[in-house]
Amino acid sequence: MIGGLLLISAEAWPHSFVGKLTVGAPRHQYHFATSSGKALDHLVALDQIVSKGEPLLRYQEVGTTKEGVRLILAGSQGVVTELNSSAWVAKGELLAKLLTPKLLGIFEPEHDAAVTARALWFCHAGSGFEVRVSYESSGKMFVTLHLNEYVIEVSELFKVEKSTTLYTSPAQCRKQRDASLGAGK
């Protein structure tokens, strides 16, 4: 204690929290042809991450009074999971399917611990993914995970995992990756 202030070593503060993480299924975004036409070109590739408003593909409308080129844009950020590869597009046909790279969930720490951080980190495939804490109540944290192209793989992983570790810093993920690489030598 120094002048009435209690100093706590950074080593005493938890660097990780173990608990049950329950996440919802990732959301899909579908794009359908509003008229029949000839597919012109794909402007993105499968598994590519796209931003809101980014062009996905173009097709030439045929047989309508407003024949012209239709440009299909992403309605929000997502990972491209399907692209229509047909040379001809029928009205109502699926053109593209995107998966939102965010998951909403609830994290219940195994032990009562005050989590003051508004962002925690989930480690997977040697990378750290941000887990934004939106709200905390009765020992539960309502979180949003930003997983990018790993959203499918990780959402499946959470279905079978009994417990999950969240870290207070992305540096912990790098340490974890470096330790596993060192063990493989």
C-alpha atoms as a PDB file:
ATOM      1  CA  MET A   1       0.000   0.000   0.000  1.00  0.00           C
ATOM      2  CA  ILE A   2       1.363   3.426  -0.988  1.00  0.00           C
ATOM      3  CA  GLY A   3      -0.259   6.528   0.493  1.00  0.00           C
ATOM      4  CA  GLY A   4      -3.666   4.881   0.766  1.00  0.00           C
ATOM      5  CA  LEU A   5      -3.523   3.304  -2.717  1.00  0.00           C
ATOM      6  CA  LEU A   6      -3.476  -0.421  -3.000  1.00  0.00           C
ATOM      7  CA  LEU A   7      -1.246  -1.583  -5.817  1.00  0.00           C
ATOM      8  CA  ILE A   8      -2.085  -4.868  -7.463  1.00  0.00           C
ATOM      9  CA  SER A   9       0.426  -6.609  -9.645  1.00  0.00           C
ATOM     10  CA  ALA A  10      -0.607  -6.993 -13.269  1.00  0.00           C
ATOM     11  CA  GLU A  11       0.234 -10.661 -12.800  1.00  0.00           C
ATOM     12  CA  ALA A  12      -2.601 -10.928 -10.247  1.00  0.00           C
ATOM     13  CA  TRP A  13      -5.176  -9.684 -12.757  1.00  0.00           C
ATOM     14  CA  PRO A  14      -6.679 -12.500 -14.841  1.00  0.00           C
ATOM     15  CA  HIS A  15      -5.495 -12.646 -18.448  1.00  0.00           C
ATOM     16  CA  SER A  16      -8.213 -15.085 -19.436  1.00  0.00           C
ATOM     17  CA  PHE A  17     -11.730 -16.155 -18.572  1.00  0.00           C
ATOM     18  CA  VAL A  18     -13.007 -19.712 -18.987  1.00  0.00           C
ATOM     19  CA  GLY A  19     -16.705 -20.307 -19.397  1.00  0.00           C
ATOM     20  CA  LYS A  20     -19.571 -21.440 -21.574  1.00  0.00           C
ATOM     21  CA  LEU A  21     -20.037 -19.497 -24.797  1.00  0.00           C
ATOM     22  CA  THR A  22     -23.373 -20.011 -26.519  1.00  0.00           C
ATOM     23  CA  VAL A  23     -23.736 -18.410 -29.941  1.00  0.00           C
ATOM     24  CA  GLY A  24     -26.582 -18.052 -32.387  1.00  0.00           C
ATOM     25  CA  ALA A  25     -26.365 -19.327 -35.933  1.00  0.00           C
ATOM     26  CA  PRO A  26     -24.717 -16.990 -38.420  1.00  0.00           C
ATOM     27  CA  ARG A  27     -27.151 -14.960 -40.532  1.00  0.00           C
ATOM     28  CA  HIS A  28     -27.371 -15.384 -44.286  1.00  0.00           C
ATOM     29  CA  GLN A  29     -27.930 -12.728 -46.913  1.00  0.00           C
ATOM     30  CA  TYR A  30     -29.553 -13.866 -50.177  1.00  0.00           C
ATOM     31  CA  HIS A  31     -29.578 -12.113 -53.552  1.00  0.00           C
ATOM     32  CA  PHE A  32     -32.110 -13.224 -56.184  1.00  0.00           C
ATOM     33  CA  ALA A  33     -32.545 -12.220 -59.829  1.00  0.00           C
ATOM     34  CA  THR A  34     -35.371  -9.706 -60.252  1.00  0.00           C
ATOM     35  CA  SER A  35     -35.600 -10.531 -63.962  1.00  0.00           C
ATOM     36  CA  SER A  36     -34.289 -13.120 -66.403  1.00  0.00           C
ATOM     37  CA  GLY A  37     -31.038 -12.467 -68.162  1.00  0.00           C
ATOM     38  CA  LYS A  38     -27.579 -13.466 -69.213  1.00  0.00           C
ATOM     39  CA  ALA A  39     -24.888 -13.639 -66.522  1.00  0.00           C
ATOM     40  CA  LEU A  40     -21.994 -11.356 -67.390  1.00  0.00           C
ATOM     41  CA  ASP A  41     -19.345 -11.714 -64.735  1.00  0.00           C
ATOM     42  CA  HIS A  42     -18.617 -12.390 -61.098  1.00  0.00           C
ATOM     43  CA  LEU A  43     -16.947  -9.482 -59.367  1.00  0.00           C
ATOM     44  CA  VAL A  44     -16.034 -11.531 -56.267  1.00  0.00           C
ATOM     45  CA  ALA A  45     -14.870 -15.078 -55.484  1.00  0.00           C
ATOM     46  CA  LEU A  46     -16.179 -17.757 -53.135  1.00  0.00           C
ATOM     47  CA  ASP A  47     -15.000 -17.367 -49.513  1.00  0.00           C
ATOM     48  CA  GLN A  48     -14.107 -13.724 -50.156  1.00  0.00           C
ATOM     49  CA  ILE A  49     -15.045 -11.173 -47.481  1.00  0.00           C
ATOM     50  CA  VAL A  50     -17.036  -8.304 -48.979  1.00  0.00           C
ATOM     51  CA  SER A  51     -18.094  -4.944 -47.569  1.00  0.00           C
ATOM     52  CA  LYS A  52     -21.565  -3.432 -47.554  1.00  0.00           C
ATOM     53  CA  GLY A  53     -22.332  -1.994 -51.006  1.00  0.00           C
ATOM     54  CA  GLU A  54     -19.559  -3.932 -52.751  1.00  0.00           C
ATOM     55  CA  PRO A  55     -20.558  -5.288 -56.210  1.00  0.00           C
ATOM     56  CA  LEU A  56     -20.981  -9.082 -56.309  1.00  0.00           C
ATOM     57  CA  LEU A  57     -21.949  -9.789 -59.926  1.00  0.00           C
ATOM     58  CA  ARG A  58     -23.521  -8.314 -63.056  1.00  0.00           C
ATOM     59  CA  TYR A  59     -26.093  -9.725 -65.449  1.00  0.00           C
ATOM     60  CA  GLN A  60     -27.819  -8.473 -68.608  1.00  0.00           C
ATOM     61  CA  GLU A  61     -31.617  -8.298 -68.323  1.00  0.00           C
ATOM     62  CA  VAL A  62     -33.482  -9.848 -71.258  1.00  0.00           C
ATOM     63  CA  GLY A  63     -37.172  -9.712 -72.202  1.00  0.00           C
ATOM     64  CA  THR A  64     -38.154  -6.759 -70.039  1.00  0.00           C
ATOM     65  CA  THR A  65     -39.084  -3.228 -70.973  1.00  0.00           C
ATOM     66  CA  LYS A  66     -36.072  -1.998 -69.006  1.00  0.00           C
ATOM     67  CA  GLU A  67     -33.374  -4.184 -70.553  1.00  0.00           C
ATOM     68  CA  GLY A  68     -30.048  -3.243 -69.075  1.00  0.00           C
ATOM     69  CA  VAL A  69     -27.209  -4.384 -66.904  1.00  0.00           C
ATOM     70  CA  ARG A  70     -28.150  -5.276 -63.312  1.00  0.00           C
ATOM     71  CA  LEU A  71     -25.466  -4.878 -60.678  1.00  0.00           C
ATOM     72  CA  ILE A  72     -25.958  -6.945 -57.516  1.00  0.00           C
ATOM     73  CA  LEU A  73     -24.511  -5.303 -54.373  1.00  0.00           C
ATOM     74  CA  ALA A  74     -23.834  -6.749 -50.915  1.00  0.00           C
ATOM     75  CA  GLY A  75     -26.411  -5.514 -48.410  1.00  0.00           C
ATOM     76  CA  SER A  76     -23.939  -5.801 -45.536  1.00  0.00           C
ATOM     77  CA  GLN A  77     -20.486  -7.164 -44.800  1.00  0.00           C
ATOM     78  CA  GLY A  78     -20.283 -10.902 -45.405  1.00  0.00           C
ATOM     79  CA  VAL A  79     -18.404 -13.942 -46.618  1.00  0.00           C
ATOM     80  CA  VAL A  80     -19.423 -15.156 -50.099  1.00  0.00           C
ATOM     81  CA  THR A  81     -20.629 -18.771 -49.710  1.00  0.00           C
ATOM     82  CA  GLU A  82     -22.491 -19.265 -53.027  1.00  0.00           C
ATOM     83  CA  LEU A  83     -22.327 -17.698 -56.485  1.00  0.00           C
ATOM     84  CA  ASN A  84     -24.561 -18.635 -59.394  1.00  0.00           C
ATOM     85  CA  SER A  85     -22.317 -19.946 -62.164  1.00  0.00           C
ATOM     86  CA  SER A  86     -25.009 -20.411 -64.835  1.00  0.00           C
ATOM     87  CA  ALA A  87     -24.703 -18.593 -68.152  1.00  0.00           C
ATOM     88  CA  TRP A  88     -28.452 -17.850 -68.045  1.00  0.00           C
ATOM     89  CA  VAL A  89     -30.294 -16.426 -65.022  1.00  0.00           C
ATOM     90  CA  ALA A  90     -34.051 -16.947 -64.499  1.00  0.00           C
ATOM     91  CA  LYS A  91     -36.208 -14.490 -62.559  1.00  0.00           C
ATOM     92  CA  GLY A  92     -36.239 -15.489 -58.871  1.00  0.00           C
ATOM     93  CA  GLU A  93     -33.079 -17.590 -59.145  1.00  0.00           C
ATOM     94  CA  LEU A  94     -30.456 -17.361 -56.391  1.00  0.00           C
ATOM     95  CA  LEU A  95     -27.506 -15.300 -57.602  1.00  0.00           C
ATOM     96  CA  ALA A  96     -25.384 -15.027 -54.479  1.00  0.00           C
ATOM     97  CA  LYS A  97     -25.442 -16.022 -50.835  1.00  0.00           C
ATOM     98  CA  LEU A  98     -23.389 -14.330 -48.121  1.00  0.00           C
ATOM     99  CA  LEU A  99     -22.801 -15.248 -44.505  1.00  0.00           C
ATOM    100  CA  THR A 100     -22.527 -12.492 -41.900  1.00  0.00           C
ATOM    101  CA  PRO A 101     -19.076 -12.749 -40.253  1.00  0.00           C
ATOM    102  CA  LYS A 102     -20.472 -11.814 -36.830  1.00  0.00           C
ATOM    103  CA  LEU A 103     -22.046 -14.059 -34.225  1.00  0.00           C
ATOM    104  CA  LEU A 104     -24.170 -12.932 -31.293  1.00  0.00           C
ATOM    105  CA  GLY A 105     -23.824 -14.895 -28.088  1.00  0.00           C
ATOM    106  CA  ILE A 106     -23.815 -15.184 -24.322  1.00  0.00           C
ATOM    107  CA  PHE A 107     -20.649 -15.904 -22.333  1.00  0.00           C
ATOM    108  CA  GLU A 108     -21.056 -17.300 -18.809  1.00  0.00           C
ATOM    109  CA  PRO A 109     -17.718 -17.307 -16.940  1.00  0.00           C
ATOM    110  CA  GLU A 110     -17.130 -20.394 -14.754  1.00  0.00           C
ATOM    111  CA  HIS A 111     -15.980 -18.247 -11.826  1.00  0.00           C
ATOM    112  CA  ASP A 112     -17.295 -14.937 -10.603  1.00  0.00           C
ATOM    113  CA  ALA A 113     -14.850 -12.416 -11.971  1.00  0.00           C
ATOM    114  CA  ALA A 114     -15.359  -8.772 -12.679  1.00  0.00           C
ATOM    115  CA  VAL A 115     -14.765  -8.281 -16.371  1.00  0.00           C
ATOM    116  CA  THR A 116     -14.165  -4.600 -16.951  1.00  0.00           C
ATOM    117  CA  ALA A 117     -12.914  -4.963 -20.504  1.00  0.00           C
ATOM    118  CA  ARG A 118     -15.393  -4.092 -23.242  1.00  0.00           C
ATOM    119  CA  ALA A 119     -13.416  -6.266 -25.656  1.00  0.00           C
ATOM    120  CA  LEU A 120     -12.064  -9.755 -25.092  1.00  0.00           C
ATOM    121  CA  TRP A 121     -10.326 -12.043 -27.568  1.00  0.00           C
ATOM    122  CA  PHE A 122     -11.040 -15.549 -28.830  1.00  0.00           C
ATOM    123  CA  CYS A 123      -8.062 -17.473 -30.233  1.00  0.00           C
ATOM    124  CA  HIS A 124      -8.475 -19.723 -33.270  1.00  0.00           C
ATOM    125  CA  ALA A 125      -6.149 -20.805 -36.078  1.00  0.00           C
ATOM    126  CA  GLY A 126      -3.325 -18.745 -34.592  1.00  0.00           C
ATOM    127  CA  SER A 127      -5.300 -15.502 -34.741  1.00  0.00           C
ATOM    128  CA  GLY A 128      -7.168 -13.398 -32.215  1.00  0.00           C
ATOM    129  CA  PHE A 129     -10.785 -12.482 -32.940  1.00  0.00           C
ATOM    130  CA  GLU A 130     -12.478  -9.652 -31.109  1.00  0.00           C
ATOM    131  CA  VAL A 131     -15.336 -10.469 -28.756  1.00  0.00           C
ATOM    132  CA  ARG A 132     -17.131  -7.206 -28.044  1.00  0.00           C
ATOM    133  CA  VAL A 133     -18.975  -7.172 -24.699  1.00  0.00           C
ATOM    134  CA  SER A 134     -22.285  -5.365 -25.226  1.00  0.00           C
ATOM    135  CA  TYR A 135     -23.934  -5.904 -21.882  1.00  0.00           C
ATOM    136  CA  GLU A 136     -23.303  -7.700 -18.595  1.00  0.00           C
ATOM    137  CA  SER A 137     -26.004  -9.018 -16.252  1.00  0.00           C
ATOM    138  CA  SER A 138     -26.268 -11.709 -13.544  1.00  0.00           C
ATOM    139  CA  GLY A 139     -22.953 -13.369 -14.359  1.00  0.00           C
ATOM    140  CA  LYS A 140     -23.616 -13.361 -18.102  1.00  0.00           C
ATOM    141  CA  MET A 141     -22.030 -11.277 -20.815  1.00  0.00           C
ATOM    142  CA  PHE A 142     -23.872 -10.569 -24.047  1.00  0.00           C
ATOM    143  CA  VAL A 143     -21.233 -10.533 -26.766  1.00  0.00           C
ATOM    144  CA  THR A 144     -20.634 -10.066 -30.484  1.00  0.00           C
ATOM    145  CA  LEU A 145     -17.846 -12.084 -32.127  1.00  0.00           C
ATOM    146  CA  HIS A 146     -16.157 -10.782 -35.274  1.00  0.00           C
ATOM    147  CA  LEU A 147     -14.880 -13.914 -37.070  1.00  0.00           C
ATOM    148  CA  ASN A 148     -14.461 -12.991 -40.751  1.00  0.00           C
ATOM    149  CA  GLU A 149     -13.902 -16.040 -42.971  1.00  0.00           C
ATOM    150  CA  TYR A 150     -13.774 -18.407 -39.961  1.00  0.00           C
ATOM    151  CA  VAL A 151     -17.444 -17.820 -39.048  1.00  0.00           C
ATOM    152  CA  ILE A 152     -18.700 -21.229 -40.287  1.00  0.00           C
ATOM    153  CA  GLU A 153     -15.835 -23.235 -38.803  1.00  0.00           C
ATOM    154  CA  VAL A 154     -15.984 -21.490 -35.424  1.00  0.00           C
ATOM    155  CA  SER A 155     -19.786 -21.543 -35.100  1.00  0.00           C
ATOM    156  CA  GLU A 156     -19.648 -25.337 -35.605  1.00  0.00           C
ATOM    157  CA  LEU A 157     -16.845 -25.585 -33.029  1.00  0.00           C
ATOM    158  CA  PHE A 158     -18.962 -23.797 -30.401  1.00  0.00           C
ATOM    159  CA  LYS A 159     -21.708 -26.412 -30.796  1.00  0.00           C
ATOM    160  CA  VAL A 160     -19.422 -29.151 -29.394  1.00  0.00           C
ATOM    161  CA  GLU A 161     -17.128 -27.206 -27.035  1.00  0.00           C
ATOM    162  CA  LYS A 162     -17.984 -27.507 -23.350  1.00  0.00           C
ATOM    163  CA  SER A 163     -15.950 -24.453 -22.369  1.00  0.00           C
ATOM    164  CA  THR A 164     -14.253 -21.569 -24.111  1.00  0.00           C
ATOM    165  CA  THR A 165     -11.371 -19.347 -23.050  1.00  0.00           C
ATOM    166  CA  LEU A 166     -11.522 -15.630 -23.769  1.00  0.00           C
ATOM    167  CA  TYR A 167      -8.420 -13.476 -23.336  1.00  0.00           C
ATOM    168  CA  THR A 168      -7.991  -9.845 -22.324  1.00  0.00           C
ATOM    169  CA  SER A 169      -5.465  -9.168 -25.092  1.00  0.00           C
ATOM    170  CA  PRO A 170      -4.853 -10.389 -28.651  1.00  0.00           C
ATOM    171  CA  ALA A 171      -1.202 -10.790 -27.611  1.00  0.00           C
ATOM    172  CA  GLN A 172      -2.299 -13.868 -25.629  1.00  0.00           C
ATOM    173  CA  CYS A 173      -3.348 -15.479 -28.923  1.00  0.00           C
ATOM    174  CA  ARG A 174       0.081 -14.805 -30.412  1.00  0.00           C
ATOM    175  CA  LYS A 175       1.744 -16.298 -27.312  1.00  0.00           C
ATOM    176  CA  GLN A 176      -0.517 -19.338 -27.588  1.00  0.00           C
ATOM    177  CA  ARG A 177       0.328 -19.729 -31.303  1.00  0.00           C
ATOM    178  CA  ASP A 178       4.074 -19.277 -30.696  1.00  0.00           C
ATOM    179  CA  ALA A 179       3.992 -21.838 -27.866  1.00  0.00           C
ATOM    180  CA  SER A 180       2.254 -24.402 -30.084  1.00  0.00           C
ATOM    181  CA  LEU A 181       4.736 -23.750 -32.915  1.00  0.00           C
ATOM    182  CA  GLY A 182       7.632 -24.163 -30.474  1.00  0.00           C
ATOM    183  CA  ALA A 183       6.181 -27.449 -29.206  1.00  0.00           C
ATOM    184  CA  GLY A 184       6.051 -28.773 -32.774  1.00  0.00           C
ATOM    185  CA  LYS A 185       9.824 -28.424 -33.265  1.00  0.00           C
END
